Amino acid sequence: MHKVCVVTGTRADYGLLRQLLIKLKNNINIDLQLVVTGSHLSDKFGNTQQEIQNDGFDHYIKMPIPIEDDSKKGMANATGVAMQKISDIFAQMQPNLVVVLGDRFEILAVAIAAHMLGIPVAHISGGDVTEGAVDDAIRHCITKMSCLHFPGCEQSRNRIIQMGEHPDTVFNVGEPGVENCLNLDLMERDELGKNLNFEYINGNYSVVTFHPVTMENNTAQQQLYELINAMKQFSDMAYIVTLANADAGGRLINDIWLQEGKKHNNWLVVPSLGVKRYLSAVKYAKLVIGNSSSGVVEAPSMKIPTINIGDRQKGRMMAESVICCEPKYEDITNAMKKALTDDFQENTKYIKSPFGDGTTSKLIINHILDFLGHSHDTQKKSFYDIDFPMGDR
């Protein structure tokens, strides 16, 4: 039996890993080892390990790391602590493969430790570009330490190959978020309203998530107030706001949201909804607003218009239902007005997502089993050179 270790650090990556985890757990050829860390273990971020337990994952290893200090220095220190702790865990568990998703600092620590210990790494959602986030460089670093690559679109697959990874190890499996959208049994609108105790669910509402742009210095507060002022211009619009994650500057954003939420009866501000409630909320929303990757990946698959604000997701492939705008009051307001027009709402129903057909976890399992079925005495790999013109210098 193959020992496969999966590490999750946030509500976001768990939601994307959920279908894969279920299939790994139920596969007779795989011994699933689950490590839960980061904001999952913090009450301030919704204690989202409860969602993991509710899904039947009772046996997992908790790996607390310091996330109270959300400065850039604090994030760097947490990365170091995470690398030390996960190294000890790997030494004890001896996994045959480590599976990680995305680009957060705790996931970088996991990839470094596994690479140094000679444990193969499979990386989901590599090859993307998000120019406004420190995650961009982290994601590419994880790619270079990985032996298996599962990007979410063909553009990202090409980037990974361009980074020197052999095409035979890079598989376009689609984004796991699309699989959730297409296959998860979502809540009915009335059920969701009762569950959230939010009576405005039956009217027009938007789902809002705004994270700090970690490649910028001290822009979070100003940008957030620009967004809030734009939101206030739509008096007939209610809002479901999910708080920012544990990035540098996230706590300031969350304090502002909590203060503003108290001023508006038709605003619901929550630390986390969990994947089922979140996608259910998106399903009935008029808009998804902010700078979360869910607006780029999941919302188009659910035929909901997105207002993508600022540079955090800059460089990613965008569906035609995504309106990108500057983090300024007037630009956000105009983008919302455009997205709320009958024509834009109707056209969004017919857009095609570039992120797969909802079979992601099945494809990943097949490639993992194929990889583990062959002997790997070394993690040595050759750089795959591409012969293409470099252009004038």
Protein backbone atom coordinates (compact mmCIF):
# COMPACT_ATOMS: atom_id res chain seq x y z
CA MET A 1 0.00 0.00 0.00
CA HIS A 2 1.30 3.46 -0.95
CA LYS A 3 1.52 6.11 1.78
CA VAL A 4 0.29 9.42 0.38
CA CYS A 5 0.52 12.51 2.61
CA VAL A 6 -1.67 15.54 1.90
CA VAL A 7 -1.13 18.84 3.72
CA THR A 8 -3.84 21.50 4.05
CA GLY A 9 -3.38 24.91 5.66
CA THR A 10 -6.47 27.01 4.88
CA ARG A 11 -10.21 26.79 4.27
CA ALA A 12 -9.50 27.56 0.60
CA ASP A 13 -7.10 24.75 -0.16
CA TYR A 14 -9.12 22.21 1.84
CA GLY A 15 -12.21 23.04 -0.19
CA LEU A 16 -10.21 22.38 -3.36
CA LEU A 17 -8.61 19.20 -2.00
CA ARG A 18 -11.82 17.76 -0.58
CA GLN A 19 -12.89 15.57 -3.51
CA LEU A 20 -9.34 14.26 -3.95
CA LEU A 21 -9.05 13.48 -0.24
CA ILE A 22 -12.28 11.49 -0.30
CA LYS A 23 -11.05 9.43 -3.25
CA LEU A 24 -7.63 8.88 -1.66
CA LYS A 25 -9.25 7.77 1.60
CA ASN A 26 -11.47 5.26 -0.21
CA ASN A 27 -8.77 3.82 -2.49
CA ILE A 28 -7.64 0.38 -1.34
CA ASN A 29 -4.14 0.94 -2.73
CA ILE A 30 -3.51 4.12 -0.75
CA ASP A 31 -2.84 4.82 2.92
CA LEU A 32 -3.89 8.47 3.30
CA GLN A 33 -1.86 10.57 5.73
CA LEU A 34 -3.46 13.97 6.39
CA VAL A 35 -1.68 16.91 8.01
CA VAL A 36 -3.75 19.94 9.08
CA THR A 37 -2.00 23.23 9.81
CA GLY A 38 -2.20 27.02 9.47
CA SER A 39 -5.46 28.89 9.89
CA HIS A 40 -7.46 25.65 10.16
CA LEU A 41 -6.40 25.51 13.81
CA SER A 42 -7.26 29.11 14.69
CA ASP A 43 -10.58 30.30 16.12
CA LYS A 44 -9.95 33.73 14.59
CA PHE A 45 -10.15 32.19 11.14
CA GLY A 46 -13.22 30.07 11.89
CA ASN A 47 -11.54 26.93 13.29
CA THR A 48 -12.13 25.30 9.91
CA GLN A 49 -10.70 21.95 10.99
CA GLN A 50 -14.28 21.29 12.10
CA GLU A 51 -15.27 21.09 8.45
CA ILE A 52 -12.56 18.47 7.92
CA GLN A 53 -13.93 16.43 10.82
CA ASN A 54 -17.48 16.78 9.52
CA ASP A 55 -16.34 15.22 6.25
CA GLY A 56 -15.27 12.09 8.12
CA PHE A 57 -11.53 12.73 8.40
CA ASP A 58 -11.15 11.89 12.07
CA HIS A 59 -7.52 10.86 12.03
CA TYR A 60 -5.08 13.57 11.06
CA ILE A 61 -1.97 15.21 12.44
CA LYS A 62 -2.29 18.75 13.74
CA MET A 63 0.68 20.99 13.02
CA PRO A 64 0.23 24.38 14.75
CA ILE A 65 2.34 27.23 13.39
CA PRO A 66 2.50 30.86 14.57
CA ILE A 67 0.07 32.94 12.51
CA GLU A 68 -0.80 35.61 15.11
CA ASP A 69 1.80 38.00 13.66
CA ASP A 70 0.54 38.74 10.15
CA SER A 71 3.43 41.04 9.22
CA LYS A 72 5.79 40.00 6.43
CA LYS A 73 8.38 39.13 9.07
CA GLY A 74 5.79 37.05 10.90
CA MET A 75 4.96 35.20 7.70
CA ALA A 76 8.67 34.47 7.13
CA ASN A 77 9.08 33.21 10.70
CA ALA A 78 6.01 30.98 10.37
CA THR A 79 7.49 29.45 7.23
CA GLY A 80 10.62 28.48 9.15
CA VAL A 81 8.66 26.95 12.01
CA ALA A 82 6.47 25.03 9.56
CA MET A 83 9.51 23.59 7.78
CA GLN A 84 11.01 22.36 11.04
CA LYS A 85 7.77 20.77 12.23
CA ILE A 86 6.83 19.09 8.95
CA SER A 87 10.36 17.66 8.67
CA ASP A 88 9.82 15.86 11.98
CA ILE A 89 6.40 14.64 10.83
CA PHE A 90 7.77 13.31 7.53
CA ALA A 91 10.62 11.55 9.34
CA GLN A 92 8.03 9.73 11.43
CA MET A 93 5.43 9.01 8.73
CA GLN A 94 7.80 8.15 5.85
CA PRO A 95 5.31 8.95 3.02
CA ASN A 96 5.89 7.70 -0.51
CA LEU A 97 4.44 10.90 -1.96
CA VAL A 98 3.46 14.34 -0.64
CA VAL A 99 0.55 16.16 -2.30
CA VAL A 100 0.26 19.94 -2.00
CA LEU A 101 -1.95 22.55 -3.62
CA GLY A 102 -1.26 26.14 -4.49
CA ASP A 103 1.23 28.65 -3.28
CA ARG A 104 0.98 29.65 0.36
CA PHE A 105 3.97 30.03 2.66
CA GLU A 106 3.15 26.96 4.75
CA ILE A 107 2.92 24.88 1.57
CA LEU A 108 6.35 26.19 0.51
CA ALA A 109 7.72 24.92 3.82
CA VAL A 110 6.18 21.49 3.15
CA ALA A 111 7.68 21.29 -0.34
CA ILE A 112 11.16 22.33 0.85
CA ALA A 113 11.15 19.74 3.64
CA ALA A 114 9.95 16.95 1.36
CA HIS A 115 12.49 17.88 -1.31
CA MET A 116 15.36 17.92 1.20
CA LEU A 117 14.27 14.52 2.56
CA GLY A 118 14.02 12.99 -0.90
CA ILE A 119 10.24 12.54 -0.83
CA PRO A 120 8.49 13.07 -4.20
CA VAL A 121 6.08 16.02 -4.34
CA ALA A 122 2.92 16.27 -6.45
CA HIS A 123 1.83 19.87 -6.97
CA ILE A 124 -1.72 20.92 -7.84
CA SER A 125 -2.48 24.29 -9.50
CA GLY A 126 1.05 25.20 -10.49
CA GLY A 127 1.89 27.31 -13.52
CA ASP A 128 -0.54 30.11 -12.70
CA VAL A 129 0.53 33.75 -12.56
CA THR A 130 -0.63 36.17 -9.85
CA GLU A 131 1.62 39.18 -10.18
CA GLY A 132 0.21 41.04 -7.17
CA ALA A 133 0.94 38.34 -4.59
CA VAL A 134 4.11 37.00 -3.02
CA ASP A 135 2.50 33.64 -3.76
CA ASP A 136 3.57 33.98 -7.39
CA ALA A 137 7.24 33.26 -6.71
CA ILE A 138 6.36 30.69 -4.05
CA ARG A 139 4.23 28.77 -6.54
CA HIS A 140 7.08 28.57 -9.06
CA CYS A 141 9.51 27.46 -6.33
CA ILE A 142 7.17 24.60 -5.40
CA THR A 143 6.98 23.62 -9.07
CA LYS A 144 10.75 23.20 -9.27
CA MET A 145 10.74 20.95 -6.20
CA SER A 146 7.92 18.75 -7.54
CA CYS A 147 8.03 15.57 -9.62
CA LEU A 148 4.35 15.53 -10.63
CA HIS A 149 2.42 18.57 -11.81
CA PHE A 150 -1.34 19.03 -12.03
CA PRO A 151 -2.11 22.48 -13.51
CA GLY A 152 -5.66 23.64 -14.04
CA CYS A 153 -5.48 24.83 -17.66
CA GLU A 154 -3.35 24.42 -20.77
CA GLN A 155 -1.76 27.84 -20.39
CA SER A 156 -0.44 26.87 -16.95
CA ARG A 157 0.78 23.50 -18.27
CA ASN A 158 2.81 25.30 -20.92
CA ARG A 159 4.36 27.58 -18.30
CA ILE A 160 5.46 24.61 -16.18
CA ILE A 161 7.12 23.00 -19.20
CA GLN A 162 8.73 26.37 -19.97
CA MET A 163 10.23 26.23 -16.46
CA GLY A 164 12.08 23.08 -17.48
CA GLU A 165 9.70 20.35 -16.31
CA HIS A 166 9.35 17.38 -18.66
CA PRO A 167 5.97 17.28 -20.48
CA ASP A 168 5.49 13.65 -19.42
CA THR A 169 5.18 14.83 -15.80
CA VAL A 170 2.78 17.73 -16.44
CA PHE A 171 -0.93 16.93 -16.73
CA ASN A 172 -3.72 19.44 -17.42
CA VAL A 173 -6.39 18.02 -15.09
CA GLY A 174 -8.53 21.14 -14.73
CA GLU A 175 -9.08 23.10 -11.55
CA PRO A 176 -10.45 21.21 -8.52
CA GLY A 177 -12.71 24.18 -7.79
CA VAL A 178 -14.61 23.46 -11.01
CA GLU A 179 -15.15 19.88 -9.87
CA ASN A 180 -16.75 21.17 -6.67
CA CYS A 181 -19.01 23.51 -8.64
CA LEU A 182 -20.23 20.79 -10.99
CA ASN A 183 -20.51 17.83 -8.61
CA LEU A 184 -21.11 19.02 -5.05
CA ASP A 185 -24.68 18.73 -3.77
CA LEU A 186 -25.34 22.40 -2.96
CA MET A 187 -27.96 23.87 -0.65
CA GLU A 188 -31.29 25.28 -1.76
CA ARG A 189 -31.65 29.03 -1.41
CA ASP A 190 -34.11 28.91 1.50
CA GLU A 191 -32.01 26.30 3.28
CA LEU A 192 -28.92 28.47 2.91
CA GLY A 193 -30.75 31.52 4.29
CA LYS A 194 -31.92 29.62 7.35
CA ASN A 195 -28.49 28.10 7.88
CA LEU A 196 -26.83 31.53 7.77
CA ASN A 197 -29.71 33.27 9.55
CA PHE A 198 -29.61 35.85 6.76
CA GLU A 199 -33.03 36.94 5.56
CA TYR A 200 -31.62 38.96 2.66
CA ILE A 201 -30.64 35.74 0.87
CA ASN A 202 -33.94 35.87 -1.05
CA GLY A 203 -33.12 39.23 -2.63
CA ASN A 204 -30.19 40.53 -4.65
CA TYR A 205 -26.87 39.93 -2.92
CA SER A 206 -23.19 39.60 -3.79
CA VAL A 207 -20.42 37.48 -2.29
CA VAL A 208 -17.32 39.48 -1.33
CA THR A 209 -13.79 38.38 -0.42
CA PHE A 210 -10.82 40.74 -0.32
CA HIS A 211 -7.28 39.65 0.52
CA PRO A 212 -4.19 41.84 0.97
CA VAL A 213 -2.02 42.28 -2.11
CA THR A 214 1.17 40.95 -0.57
CA MET A 215 3.56 42.35 -3.17
CA GLU A 216 2.42 45.87 -2.27
CA ASN A 217 3.22 47.78 0.90
CA ASN A 218 0.43 49.08 3.15
CA THR A 219 -2.23 49.31 0.43
CA ALA A 220 -4.82 47.02 2.05
CA GLN A 221 -6.69 49.60 4.14
CA GLN A 222 -7.06 52.20 1.38
CA GLN A 223 -8.10 49.63 -1.21
CA LEU A 224 -10.63 48.07 1.12
CA TYR A 225 -12.30 51.40 1.86
CA GLU A 226 -12.50 52.09 -1.88
CA LEU A 227 -14.37 48.79 -2.21
CA ILE A 228 -16.62 49.46 0.77
CA ASN A 229 -17.59 52.91 -0.55
CA ALA A 230 -18.47 51.33 -3.89
CA MET A 231 -20.59 48.67 -2.20
CA LYS A 232 -22.56 51.36 -0.37
CA GLN A 233 -23.67 52.88 -3.68
CA PHE A 234 -25.93 49.89 -4.33
CA SER A 235 -28.56 50.31 -1.64
CA ASP A 236 -30.69 47.41 -2.87
CA MET A 237 -27.75 44.98 -2.79
CA ALA A 238 -27.02 42.80 0.24
CA TYR A 239 -23.56 41.33 0.83
CA ILE A 240 -22.10 38.13 2.22
CA VAL A 241 -18.50 38.91 3.18
CA THR A 242 -15.94 36.21 3.99
CA LEU A 243 -12.89 37.41 5.89
CA ALA A 244 -9.36 37.46 4.51
CA ASN A 245 -6.94 34.59 5.04
CA ALA A 246 -3.80 34.56 7.18
CA ASP A 247 -1.63 36.62 4.82
CA ALA A 248 0.43 39.63 5.80
CA GLY A 249 -2.08 42.44 6.39
CA GLY A 250 -5.09 40.16 6.61
CA ARG A 251 -5.93 40.98 10.22
CA LEU A 252 -6.31 44.70 9.44
CA ILE A 253 -8.73 43.88 6.63
CA ASN A 254 -10.77 41.64 8.89
CA ASP A 255 -11.00 44.24 11.67
CA ILE A 256 -12.40 46.75 9.18
CA TRP A 257 -14.92 44.25 7.78
CA LEU A 258 -16.16 43.39 11.28
CA GLN A 259 -16.61 47.08 12.13
CA GLU A 260 -18.42 47.84 8.87
CA GLY A 261 -20.62 44.76 9.16
CA LYS A 262 -22.11 46.07 12.38
CA LYS A 263 -23.32 49.19 10.55
CA HIS A 264 -25.37 47.39 7.88
CA ASN A 265 -28.25 45.02 8.55
CA ASN A 266 -28.00 43.60 5.04
CA TRP A 267 -24.31 42.68 5.37
CA LEU A 268 -23.28 39.28 6.71
CA VAL A 269 -19.60 39.12 7.69
CA VAL A 270 -18.26 35.65 8.52
CA PRO A 271 -14.77 34.17 9.03
CA SER A 272 -15.54 31.24 6.75
CA LEU A 273 -18.52 29.58 5.08
CA GLY A 274 -16.94 26.22 4.25
CA VAL A 275 -16.92 24.93 0.71
CA LYS A 276 -20.56 23.80 0.53
CA ARG A 277 -22.09 26.97 1.96
CA TYR A 278 -19.67 29.17 0.02
CA LEU A 279 -20.47 27.64 -3.34
CA SER A 280 -24.18 27.62 -2.46
CA ALA A 281 -23.93 31.34 -1.73
CA VAL A 282 -22.16 31.95 -5.05
CA LYS A 283 -24.81 29.95 -6.91
CA TYR A 284 -27.59 32.44 -6.06
CA ALA A 285 -25.48 35.62 -6.03
CA LYS A 286 -25.70 38.44 -8.55
CA LEU A 287 -21.94 39.06 -8.37
CA VAL A 288 -18.73 37.74 -6.85
CA ILE A 289 -16.59 40.73 -5.82
CA GLY A 290 -13.00 41.05 -4.57
CA ASN A 291 -9.64 39.55 -5.43
CA SER A 292 -9.98 35.89 -4.50
CA SER A 293 -9.11 33.11 -6.94
CA SER A 294 -12.66 31.80 -6.49
CA GLY A 295 -13.89 34.73 -8.55
CA VAL A 296 -11.58 33.68 -11.38
CA VAL A 297 -12.13 29.90 -11.22
CA GLU A 298 -15.36 28.91 -9.48
CA ALA A 299 -17.65 31.84 -10.31
CA PRO A 300 -17.33 31.49 -14.11
CA SER A 301 -18.08 27.77 -13.83
CA MET A 302 -21.27 28.67 -11.97
CA LYS A 303 -22.17 31.35 -14.54
CA ILE A 304 -21.89 34.24 -12.06
CA PRO A 305 -20.19 37.54 -13.05
CA THR A 306 -17.00 38.50 -11.20
CA ILE A 307 -15.56 41.89 -10.30
CA ASN A 308 -11.83 41.20 -9.95
CA ILE A 309 -10.18 44.11 -8.14
CA GLY A 310 -6.53 45.13 -8.39
CA ASP A 311 -3.42 43.09 -9.08
CA ARG A 312 -3.65 40.08 -6.77
CA GLN A 313 -4.87 37.81 -9.60
CA LYS A 314 -3.13 39.70 -12.40
CA GLY A 315 -1.72 37.36 -15.03
CA ARG A 316 -4.21 34.53 -14.57
CA MET A 317 -6.37 33.26 -17.37
CA MET A 318 -9.75 35.01 -17.17
CA ALA A 319 -13.13 33.98 -18.51
CA GLU A 320 -15.22 36.59 -20.30
CA SER A 321 -17.49 36.86 -17.25
CA VAL A 322 -14.64 38.41 -15.19
CA ILE A 323 -14.42 42.21 -15.19
CA CYS A 324 -11.03 43.44 -13.98
CA CYS A 325 -10.80 46.91 -12.48
CA GLU A 326 -8.47 49.12 -10.48
CA PRO A 327 -8.91 49.21 -6.67
CA LYS A 328 -10.58 52.60 -6.84
CA TYR A 329 -14.11 53.59 -5.88
CA GLU A 330 -15.14 54.85 -9.31
CA ASP A 331 -13.68 51.90 -11.21
CA ILE A 332 -15.26 49.36 -8.87
CA THR A 333 -18.62 51.12 -9.05
CA ASN A 334 -18.58 51.21 -12.85
CA ALA A 335 -17.58 47.55 -13.02
CA MET A 336 -20.46 46.58 -10.74
CA LYS A 337 -22.92 48.60 -12.82
CA LYS A 338 -21.71 46.88 -15.99
CA ALA A 339 -21.93 43.40 -14.45
CA LEU A 340 -25.46 44.03 -13.19
CA THR A 341 -26.86 44.94 -16.62
CA ASP A 342 -29.31 42.48 -18.10
CA ASP A 343 -27.06 41.90 -21.11
CA PHE A 344 -23.99 41.02 -19.05
CA GLN A 345 -25.97 38.79 -16.68
CA GLU A 346 -27.50 36.95 -19.64
CA ASN A 347 -24.23 36.58 -21.57
CA THR A 348 -22.50 35.14 -18.51
CA LYS A 349 -24.86 32.17 -18.63
CA TYR A 350 -23.20 31.05 -21.87
CA ILE A 351 -19.50 31.59 -21.17
CA LYS A 352 -17.17 28.59 -21.16
CA SER A 353 -14.73 28.09 -18.31
CA PRO A 354 -11.12 27.34 -19.35
CA PHE A 355 -10.52 25.27 -16.22
CA GLY A 356 -11.71 21.76 -17.06
CA ASP A 357 -14.80 19.57 -17.03
CA GLY A 358 -15.05 18.55 -13.36
CA THR A 359 -13.07 15.29 -13.42
CA THR A 360 -9.95 16.67 -11.73
CA SER A 361 -9.64 14.38 -8.71
CA LYS A 362 -10.21 11.22 -10.76
CA LEU A 363 -7.45 12.22 -13.18
CA ILE A 364 -5.05 13.08 -10.36
CA ILE A 365 -5.63 9.72 -8.64
CA ASN A 366 -4.90 7.86 -11.88
CA HIS A 367 -1.63 9.72 -12.42
CA ILE A 368 -0.58 9.30 -8.78
CA LEU A 369 -1.16 5.54 -8.88
CA ASP A 370 0.74 5.28 -12.15
CA PHE A 371 3.65 7.23 -10.64
CA LEU A 372 3.70 5.17 -7.44
CA GLY A 373 3.50 1.95 -9.43
CA HIS A 374 7.00 2.56 -10.78
CA SER A 375 10.22 2.48 -8.78
CA HIS A 376 11.77 5.88 -8.02
CA ASP A 377 15.24 5.46 -6.56
CA THR A 378 16.11 9.10 -7.03
CA GLN A 379 14.35 12.44 -7.42
CA LYS A 380 16.98 13.57 -9.93
CA LYS A 381 15.45 15.13 -13.03
CA SER A 382 16.82 16.74 -16.15
CA PHE A 383 15.96 20.27 -17.22
CA TYR A 384 13.67 20.13 -20.24
CA ASP A 385 14.96 22.66 -22.76
CA ILE A 386 12.61 24.26 -25.26
CA ASP A 387 13.96 25.42 -28.60
CA PHE A 388 12.24 28.73 -29.27
CA PRO A 389 13.43 32.20 -30.34
CA MET A 390 14.23 34.54 -27.46
CA GLY A 391 13.65 37.74 -29.39
CA ASP A 392 15.85 40.85 -29.51
CA ARG A 393 17.76 41.80 -26.40
